[in-house]
Amino acid sequence: MPNIAPIVGRLRKGLVMDLSVATGIGLGMGYWFWYGYHVPAVRHRDAFYAKIEEQRIANSRQ
C-alpha cells in the first residue's frame, strides 16, 4: 500500500482564499453601488432642489 501524504494547511488556504474573494467582490460591489447609483442619484436630487430654490428666489423678487 502506498503512503498518502496528509493534507496539511488546506483549510487555512481555503479560508484565506474565500475571505479574499469575498472582500474583493464586496468592495467592488460597494464601489459600483456608491459611484454607479448613489452619487448620480444624489446629484440628480440636488439639481432638482437647486432648480426649485432658483424658482423660489426668482418669484420672490417679482
PDB file of N, CA and C in Angstrom:
ATOM      1  N   MET A   1       0.818  -1.163   0.000  1.00  0.00           N
ATOM      2  CA  MET A   1       0.000   0.000   0.000  1.00  0.00           C
ATOM      3  C   MET A   1       0.880   1.252   0.000  1.00  0.00           C
ATOM      4  N   PRO A   2       0.602   2.184  -0.928  1.00  0.00           N
ATOM      5  CA  PRO A   2       1.428   3.394  -0.953  1.00  0.00           C
ATOM      6  C   PRO A   2       1.020   4.336   0.175  1.00  0.00           C
ATOM      7  N   ASN A   3       1.995   5.047   0.661  1.00  0.00           N
ATOM      8  CA  ASN A   3       1.711   6.046   1.697  1.00  0.00           C
ATOM      9  C   ASN A   3       1.139   7.300   1.048  1.00  0.00           C
ATOM     10  N   ILE A   4       0.079   7.803   1.618  1.00  0.00           N
ATOM     11  CA  ILE A   4      -0.556   9.021   1.112  1.00  0.00           C
ATOM     12  C   ILE A   4      -0.170  10.155   2.054  1.00  0.00           C
ATOM     13  N   ALA A   5       0.344  11.217   1.461  1.00  0.00           N
ATOM     14  CA  ALA A   5       0.767  12.357   2.277  1.00  0.00           C
ATOM     15  C   ALA A   5      -0.464  13.029   2.882  1.00  0.00           C
ATOM     16  N   PRO A   6      -0.364  13.444   4.124  1.00  0.00           N
ATOM     17  CA  PRO A   6      -1.501  14.115   4.756  1.00  0.00           C
ATOM     18  C   PRO A   6      -1.739  15.497   4.135  1.00  0.00           C
ATOM     19  N   ILE A   7      -2.981  15.887   4.124  1.00  0.00           N
ATOM     20  CA  ILE A   7      -3.337  17.213   3.613  1.00  0.00           C
ATOM     21  C   ILE A   7      -3.185  18.191   4.777  1.00  0.00           C
ATOM     22  N   VAL A   8      -2.192  19.046   4.673  1.00  0.00           N
ATOM     23  CA  VAL A   8      -1.875  19.974   5.760  1.00  0.00           C
ATOM     24  C   VAL A   8      -2.102  21.397   5.265  1.00  0.00           C
ATOM     25  N   GLY A   9      -2.794  22.193   6.034  1.00  0.00           N
ATOM     26  CA  GLY A   9      -2.988  23.603   5.710  1.00  0.00           C
ATOM     27  C   GLY A   9      -4.055  23.860   4.662  1.00  0.00           C
ATOM     28  N   ARG A  10      -4.785  22.850   4.278  1.00  0.00           N
ATOM     29  CA  ARG A  10      -5.791  23.001   3.227  1.00  0.00           C
ATOM     30  C   ARG A  10      -6.938  23.903   3.690  1.00  0.00           C
ATOM     31  N   LEU A  11      -7.394  23.728   4.908  1.00  0.00           N
ATOM     32  CA  LEU A  11      -8.493  24.533   5.422  1.00  0.00           C
ATOM     33  C   LEU A  11      -8.088  25.997   5.527  1.00  0.00           C
ATOM     34  N   ARG A  12      -6.891  26.247   6.014  1.00  0.00           N
ATOM     35  CA  ARG A  12      -6.429  27.620   6.176  1.00  0.00           C
ATOM     36  C   ARG A  12      -6.287  28.307   4.817  1.00  0.00           C
ATOM     37  N   LYS A  13      -5.733  27.604   3.829  1.00  0.00           N
ATOM     38  CA  LYS A  13      -5.580  28.184   2.492  1.00  0.00           C
ATOM     39  C   LYS A  13      -6.940  28.476   1.869  1.00  0.00           C
ATOM     40  N   GLY A  14      -7.864  27.560   2.051  1.00  0.00           N
ATOM     41  CA  GLY A  14      -9.210  27.760   1.522  1.00  0.00           C
ATOM     42  C   GLY A  14      -9.909  28.921   2.192  1.00  0.00           C
ATOM     43  N   LEU A  15      -9.738  29.038   3.498  1.00  0.00           N
ATOM     44  CA  LEU A  15     -10.361  30.127   4.237  1.00  0.00           C
ATOM     45  C   LEU A  15      -9.803  31.471   3.800  1.00  0.00           C
ATOM     46  N   VAL A  16      -8.498  31.555   3.658  1.00  0.00           N
ATOM     47  CA  VAL A  16      -7.874  32.807   3.220  1.00  0.00           C
ATOM     48  C   VAL A  16      -8.356  33.168   1.818  1.00  0.00           C
ATOM     49  N   MET A  17      -8.433  32.189   0.938  1.00  0.00           N
ATOM     50  CA  MET A  17      -8.903  32.434  -0.427  1.00  0.00           C
ATOM     51  C   MET A  17     -10.357  32.892  -0.420  1.00  0.00           C
ATOM     52  N   ASP A  18     -11.206  32.220   0.354  1.00  0.00           N
ATOM     53  CA  ASP A  18     -12.619  32.602   0.427  1.00  0.00           C
ATOM     54  C   ASP A  18     -12.779  34.019   0.965  1.00  0.00           C
ATOM     55  N   LEU A  19     -12.061  34.345   2.023  1.00  0.00           N
ATOM     56  CA  LEU A  19     -12.156  35.690   2.590  1.00  0.00           C
ATOM     57  C   LEU A  19     -11.631  36.742   1.626  1.00  0.00           C
ATOM     58  N   SER A  20     -10.562  36.441   0.922  1.00  0.00           N
ATOM     59  CA  SER A  20     -10.006  37.389  -0.045  1.00  0.00           C
ATOM     60  C   SER A  20     -10.978  37.648  -1.191  1.00  0.00           C
ATOM     61  N   VAL A  21     -11.553  36.592  -1.716  1.00  0.00           N
ATOM     62  CA  VAL A  21     -12.507  36.741  -2.816  1.00  0.00           C
ATOM     63  C   VAL A  21     -13.752  37.482  -2.341  1.00  0.00           C
ATOM     64  N   ALA A  22     -14.261  37.135  -1.175  1.00  0.00           N
ATOM     65  CA  ALA A  22     -15.460  37.796  -0.651  1.00  0.00           C
ATOM     66  C   ALA A  22     -15.206  39.277  -0.399  1.00  0.00           C
ATOM     67  N   THR A  23     -14.043  39.602   0.145  1.00  0.00           N
ATOM     68  CA  THR A  23     -13.707  41.004   0.391  1.00  0.00           C
ATOM     69  C   THR A  23     -13.580  41.761  -0.924  1.00  0.00           C
ATOM     70  N   GLY A  24     -12.925  41.170  -1.894  1.00  0.00           N
ATOM     71  CA  GLY A  24     -12.769  41.817  -3.197  1.00  0.00           C
ATOM     72  C   GLY A  24     -14.094  42.057  -3.887  1.00  0.00           C
ATOM     73  N   ILE A  25     -14.949  41.042  -3.892  1.00  0.00           N
ATOM     74  CA  ILE A  25     -16.263  41.191  -4.521  1.00  0.00           C
ATOM     75  C   ILE A  25     -17.111  42.206  -3.752  1.00  0.00           C
ATOM     76  N   GLY A  26     -17.059  42.157  -2.427  1.00  0.00           N
ATOM     77  CA  GLY A  26     -17.828  43.101  -1.621  1.00  0.00           C
ATOM     78  C   GLY A  26     -17.402  44.538  -1.853  1.00  0.00           C
ATOM     79  N   LEU A  27     -16.106  44.773  -1.897  1.00  0.00           N
ATOM     80  CA  LEU A  27     -15.615  46.129  -2.159  1.00  0.00           C
ATOM     81  C   LEU A  27     -15.976  46.581  -3.571  1.00  0.00           C
ATOM     82  N   GLY A  28     -15.837  45.678  -4.524  1.00  0.00           N
ATOM     83  CA  GLY A  28     -16.192  46.025  -5.903  1.00  0.00           C
ATOM     84  C   GLY A  28     -17.660  46.392  -6.043  1.00  0.00           C
ATOM     85  N   MET A  29     -18.533  45.607  -5.434  1.00  0.00           N
ATOM     86  CA  MET A  29     -19.964  45.905  -5.497  1.00  0.00           C
ATOM     87  C   MET A  29     -20.303  47.175  -4.721  1.00  0.00           C
ATOM     88  N   GLY A  30     -19.590  47.401  -3.617  1.00  0.00           N
ATOM     89  CA  GLY A  30     -19.804  48.631  -2.857  1.00  0.00           C
ATOM     90  C   GLY A  30     -19.450  49.866  -3.668  1.00  0.00           C
ATOM     91  N   TYR A  31     -18.311  49.816  -4.343  1.00  0.00           N
ATOM     92  CA  TYR A  31     -17.918  50.935  -5.203  1.00  0.00           C
ATOM     93  C   TYR A  31     -18.900  51.110  -6.348  1.00  0.00           C
ATOM     94  N   TRP A  32     -19.337  49.979  -6.932  1.00  0.00           N
ATOM     95  CA  TRP A  32     -20.301  50.075  -8.017  1.00  0.00           C
ATOM     96  C   TRP A  32     -21.586  50.741  -7.518  1.00  0.00           C
ATOM     97  N   PHE A  33     -22.107  50.358  -6.392  1.00  0.00           N
ATOM     98  CA  PHE A  33     -23.327  50.964  -5.868  1.00  0.00           C
ATOM     99  C   PHE A  33     -23.119  52.441  -5.586  1.00  0.00           C
ATOM    100  N   TRP A  34     -21.988  52.764  -4.918  1.00  0.00           N
ATOM    101  CA  TRP A  34     -21.775  54.139  -4.483  1.00  0.00           C
ATOM    102  C   TRP A  34     -21.599  55.077  -5.672  1.00  0.00           C
ATOM    103  N   TYR A  35     -20.680  54.742  -6.580  1.00  0.00           N
ATOM    104  CA  TYR A  35     -20.369  55.637  -7.684  1.00  0.00           C
ATOM    105  C   TYR A  35     -21.229  55.393  -8.919  1.00  0.00           C
ATOM    106  N   GLY A  36     -21.856  54.243  -9.024  1.00  0.00           N
ATOM    107  CA  GLY A  36     -22.693  53.949 -10.175  1.00  0.00           C
ATOM    108  C   GLY A  36     -24.155  54.293  -9.963  1.00  0.00           C
ATOM    109  N   TYR A  37     -24.614  54.263  -8.719  1.00  0.00           N
ATOM    110  CA  TYR A  37     -26.020  54.557  -8.443  1.00  0.00           C
ATOM    111  C   TYR A  37     -26.196  55.721  -7.476  1.00  0.00           C
ATOM    112  N   HIS A  38     -25.573  55.652  -6.308  1.00  0.00           N
ATOM    113  CA  HIS A  38     -25.846  56.614  -5.246  1.00  0.00           C
ATOM    114  C   HIS A  38     -25.430  58.034  -5.621  1.00  0.00           C
ATOM    115  N   VAL A  39     -24.187  58.210  -6.053  1.00  0.00           N
ATOM    116  CA  VAL A  39     -23.691  59.556  -6.360  1.00  0.00           C
ATOM    117  C   VAL A  39     -24.502  60.202  -7.490  1.00  0.00           C
ATOM    118  N   PRO A  40     -24.782  59.508  -8.616  1.00  0.00           N
ATOM    119  CA  PRO A  40     -25.622  60.139  -9.635  1.00  0.00           C
ATOM    120  C   PRO A  40     -27.034  60.465  -9.135  1.00  0.00           C
ATOM    121  N   ALA A  41     -27.599  59.618  -8.294  1.00  0.00           N
ATOM    122  CA  ALA A  41     -28.937  59.888  -7.763  1.00  0.00           C
ATOM    123  C   ALA A  41     -28.927  61.127  -6.873  1.00  0.00           C
ATOM    124  N   VAL A  42     -27.893  61.290  -6.069  1.00  0.00           N
ATOM    125  CA  VAL A  42     -27.789  62.463  -5.201  1.00  0.00           C
ATOM    126  C   VAL A  42     -27.584  63.725  -6.037  1.00  0.00           C
ATOM    127  N   ARG A  43     -26.772  63.637  -7.080  1.00  0.00           N
ATOM    128  CA  ARG A  43     -26.581  64.798  -7.970  1.00  0.00           C
ATOM    129  C   ARG A  43     -27.899  65.200  -8.627  1.00  0.00           C
ATOM    130  N   HIS A  44     -28.657  64.214  -9.081  1.00  0.00           N
ATOM    131  CA  HIS A  44     -29.950  64.486  -9.706  1.00  0.00           C
ATOM    132  C   HIS A  44     -30.899  65.146  -8.702  1.00  0.00           C
ATOM    133  N   ARG A  45     -30.946  64.632  -7.493  1.00  0.00           N
ATOM    134  CA  ARG A  45     -31.804  65.198  -6.454  1.00  0.00           C
ATOM    135  C   ARG A  45     -31.386  66.617  -6.113  1.00  0.00           C
ATOM    136  N   ASP A  46     -30.078  66.840  -5.956  1.00  0.00           N
ATOM    137  CA  ASP A  46     -29.589  68.174  -5.613  1.00  0.00           C
ATOM    138  C   ASP A  46     -29.869  69.174  -6.727  1.00  0.00           C
ATOM    139  N   ALA A  47     -29.753  68.739  -7.983  1.00  0.00           N
ATOM    140  CA  ALA A  47     -30.062  69.628  -9.107  1.00  0.00           C
ATOM    141  C   ALA A  47     -31.544  69.992  -9.097  1.00  0.00           C
ATOM    142  N   PHE A  48     -32.397  69.044  -8.764  1.00  0.00           N
ATOM    143  CA  PHE A  48     -33.834  69.306  -8.690  1.00  0.00           C
ATOM    144  C   PHE A  48     -34.141  70.359  -7.628  1.00  0.00           C
ATOM    145  N   TYR A  49     -33.570  70.201  -6.434  1.00  0.00           N
ATOM    146  CA  TYR A  49     -33.841  71.160  -5.369  1.00  0.00           C
ATOM    147  C   TYR A  49     -33.186  72.507  -5.634  1.00  0.00           C
ATOM    148  N   ALA A  50     -32.053  72.535  -6.323  1.00  0.00           N
ATOM    149  CA  ALA A  50     -31.430  73.812  -6.689  1.00  0.00           C
ATOM    150  C   ALA A  50     -32.321  74.559  -7.676  1.00  0.00           C
ATOM    151  N   LYS A  51     -32.928  73.831  -8.612  1.00  0.00           N
ATOM    152  CA  LYS A  51     -33.838  74.444  -9.578  1.00  0.00           C
ATOM    153  C   LYS A  51     -35.059  75.027  -8.867  1.00  0.00           C
ATOM    154  N   ILE A  52     -35.621  74.284  -7.927  1.00  0.00           N
ATOM    155  CA  ILE A  52     -36.771  74.784  -7.168  1.00  0.00           C
ATOM    156  C   ILE A  52     -36.384  76.029  -6.370  1.00  0.00           C
ATOM    157  N   GLU A  53     -35.205  76.015  -5.772  1.00  0.00           N
ATOM    158  CA  GLU A  53     -34.744  77.166  -4.989  1.00  0.00           C
ATOM    159  C   GLU A  53     -34.558  78.390  -5.887  1.00  0.00           C
ATOM    160  N   GLU A  54     -34.004  78.197  -7.080  1.00  0.00           N
ATOM    161  CA  GLU A  54     -33.843  79.317  -8.013  1.00  0.00           C
ATOM    162  C   GLU A  54     -35.197  79.880  -8.422  1.00  0.00           C
ATOM    163  N   GLN A  55     -36.179  79.016  -8.652  1.00  0.00           N
ATOM    164  CA  GLN A  55     -37.517  79.482  -9.000  1.00  0.00           C
ATOM    165  C   GLN A  55     -38.144  80.244  -7.840  1.00  0.00           C
ATOM    166  N   ARG A  56     -37.928  79.771  -6.631  1.00  0.00           N
ATOM    167  CA  ARG A  56     -38.485  80.451  -5.460  1.00  0.00           C
ATOM    168  C   ARG A  56     -37.879  81.837  -5.308  1.00  0.00           C
ATOM    169  N   ILE A  57     -36.578  81.955  -5.510  1.00  0.00           N
ATOM    170  CA  ILE A  57     -35.904  83.250  -5.401  1.00  0.00           C
ATOM    171  C   ILE A  57     -36.375  84.182  -6.510  1.00  0.00           C
ATOM    172  N   ALA A  58     -36.519  83.651  -7.734  1.00  0.00           N
ATOM    173  CA  ALA A  58     -36.982  84.475  -8.853  1.00  0.00           C
ATOM    174  C   ALA A  58     -38.408  84.959  -8.614  1.00  0.00           C
ATOM    175  N   ASN A  59     -39.260  84.131  -8.059  1.00  0.00           N
ATOM    176  CA  ASN A  59     -40.641  84.533  -7.787  1.00  0.00           C
ATOM    177  C   ASN A  59     -40.726  85.536  -6.648  1.00  0.00           C
ATOM    178  N   SER A  60     -39.830  85.471  -5.696  1.00  0.00           N
ATOM    179  CA  SER A  60     -39.881  86.405  -4.567  1.00  0.00           C
ATOM    180  C   SER A  60     -39.379  87.789  -4.965  1.00  0.00           C
ATOM    181  N   ARG A  61     -38.598  87.893  -6.028  1.00  0.00           N
ATOM    182  CA  ARG A  61     -38.090  89.195  -6.488  1.00  0.00           C
ATOM    183  C   ARG A  61     -39.131  89.947  -7.298  1.00  0.00           C
ATOM    184  N   GLN A  62     -40.121  89.265  -7.821  1.00  0.00           N
ATOM    185  CA  GLN A  62     -41.113  89.926  -8.682  1.00  0.00           C
ATOM    186  C   GLN A  62     -42.150  90.649  -7.898  1.00  0.00           C
TER     187      GLN A  62
END
